[in-house]
Amino acid sequence: MDSQTILILIVIGILAGILSGFVGVGGGVIIVPALVYALSMTQHEAQGTSLFILLLPVGILAVNNYWRSGNINFIWSRG
């Protein structure tokens, strides 16, 4: 990946974060079209990339919230 692509991805991420904060929409609504138009990805590539990018932070926060409320069973019993 060249430096121009990395710069474009950073700009897309910053703009998605700012617009999502102002408008209150999910980042994927902004990231997917930006990846399609700015990096010439197909719609399916852009959707997969968006899901991959958002999975880690969203997944970690979700597991943390469920763990704090006592809704995760780390020990499975065989019955």
Protein backbone atom coordinates (compact mmCIF):
# COMPACT_ATOMS: atom_id res chain seq x y z
CA MET A 1 0.00 0.00 0.00
CA ASP A 2 1.48 3.32 -1.01
CA SER A 3 1.54 6.47 1.09
CA GLN A 4 -1.18 8.16 -0.97
CA THR A 5 -3.63 5.32 -0.23
CA ILE A 6 -2.79 5.43 3.46
CA LEU A 7 -3.37 9.19 3.50
CA ILE A 8 -6.74 8.76 1.76
CA LEU A 9 -7.77 6.11 4.32
CA ILE A 10 -6.76 8.37 7.21
CA VAL A 11 -8.76 11.28 5.76
CA ILE A 12 -11.79 9.01 5.22
CA GLY A 13 -11.56 7.81 8.83
CA ILE A 14 -11.30 11.31 10.25
CA LEU A 15 -14.18 12.62 8.14
CA ALA A 16 -16.32 9.59 9.01
CA GLY A 17 -15.68 10.14 12.70
CA ILE A 18 -16.48 13.85 12.56
CA LEU A 19 -19.62 13.44 10.43
CA SER A 20 -20.83 10.49 12.50
CA GLY A 21 -20.46 12.59 15.64
CA PHE A 22 -22.35 15.53 14.17
CA VAL A 23 -25.12 13.62 12.43
CA GLY A 24 -25.32 10.57 14.70
CA VAL A 25 -25.12 7.93 11.98
CA GLY A 26 -22.90 4.85 11.93
CA GLY A 27 -19.48 5.16 10.37
CA GLY A 28 -20.29 2.60 7.68
CA VAL A 29 -22.79 4.96 6.09
CA ILE A 30 -19.91 7.30 5.33
CA ILE A 31 -17.01 4.86 4.98
CA VAL A 32 -18.56 2.55 2.35
CA PRO A 33 -19.34 5.24 -0.26
CA ALA A 34 -16.00 6.93 0.43
CA LEU A 35 -14.12 3.68 -0.22
CA VAL A 36 -16.10 3.08 -3.41
CA TYR A 37 -15.50 6.55 -4.84
CA ALA A 38 -12.04 7.39 -3.48
CA LEU A 39 -10.35 3.99 -3.84
CA SER A 40 -12.47 2.46 -6.62
CA MET A 41 -13.48 -0.54 -4.52
CA THR A 42 -16.54 -2.59 -5.39
CA GLN A 43 -19.50 -2.22 -3.08
CA HIS A 44 -18.88 -5.67 -1.59
CA GLU A 45 -15.18 -4.93 -0.99
CA ALA A 46 -16.06 -1.63 0.68
CA GLN A 47 -18.72 -3.25 2.89
CA GLY A 48 -16.35 -6.03 3.93
CA THR A 49 -13.57 -3.56 4.66
CA SER A 50 -15.92 -1.37 6.70
CA LEU A 51 -17.14 -4.33 8.74
CA PHE A 52 -13.56 -5.48 9.34
CA ILE A 53 -12.48 -2.02 10.49
CA LEU A 54 -15.44 -1.55 12.83
CA LEU A 55 -15.53 -5.09 14.24
CA LEU A 56 -12.58 -4.84 16.61
CA PRO A 57 -13.49 -1.66 18.55
CA VAL A 58 -17.22 -2.38 18.55
CA GLY A 59 -16.70 -6.02 19.54
CA ILE A 60 -14.37 -5.17 22.41
CA LEU A 61 -16.75 -2.56 23.81
CA ALA A 62 -19.74 -4.90 23.50
CA VAL A 63 -17.97 -7.76 25.30
CA ASN A 64 -16.83 -5.34 28.02
CA ASN A 65 -20.39 -4.08 28.59
CA TYR A 66 -21.85 -7.60 28.73
CA TRP A 67 -19.06 -8.75 31.09
CA ARG A 68 -19.61 -5.81 33.45
CA SER A 69 -23.33 -6.56 33.65
CA GLY A 70 -22.63 -10.23 34.41
CA ASN A 71 -24.06 -11.60 31.19
CA ILE A 72 -21.05 -13.60 30.00
CA ASN A 73 -20.53 -17.18 31.17
CA PHE A 74 -16.87 -18.06 30.68
CA ILE A 75 -17.35 -21.51 32.24
CA TRP A 76 -19.61 -23.82 30.29
CA SER A 77 -21.13 -26.69 32.21
CA ARG A 78 -21.80 -30.02 30.56
CA GLY A 79 -25.17 -31.26 31.34
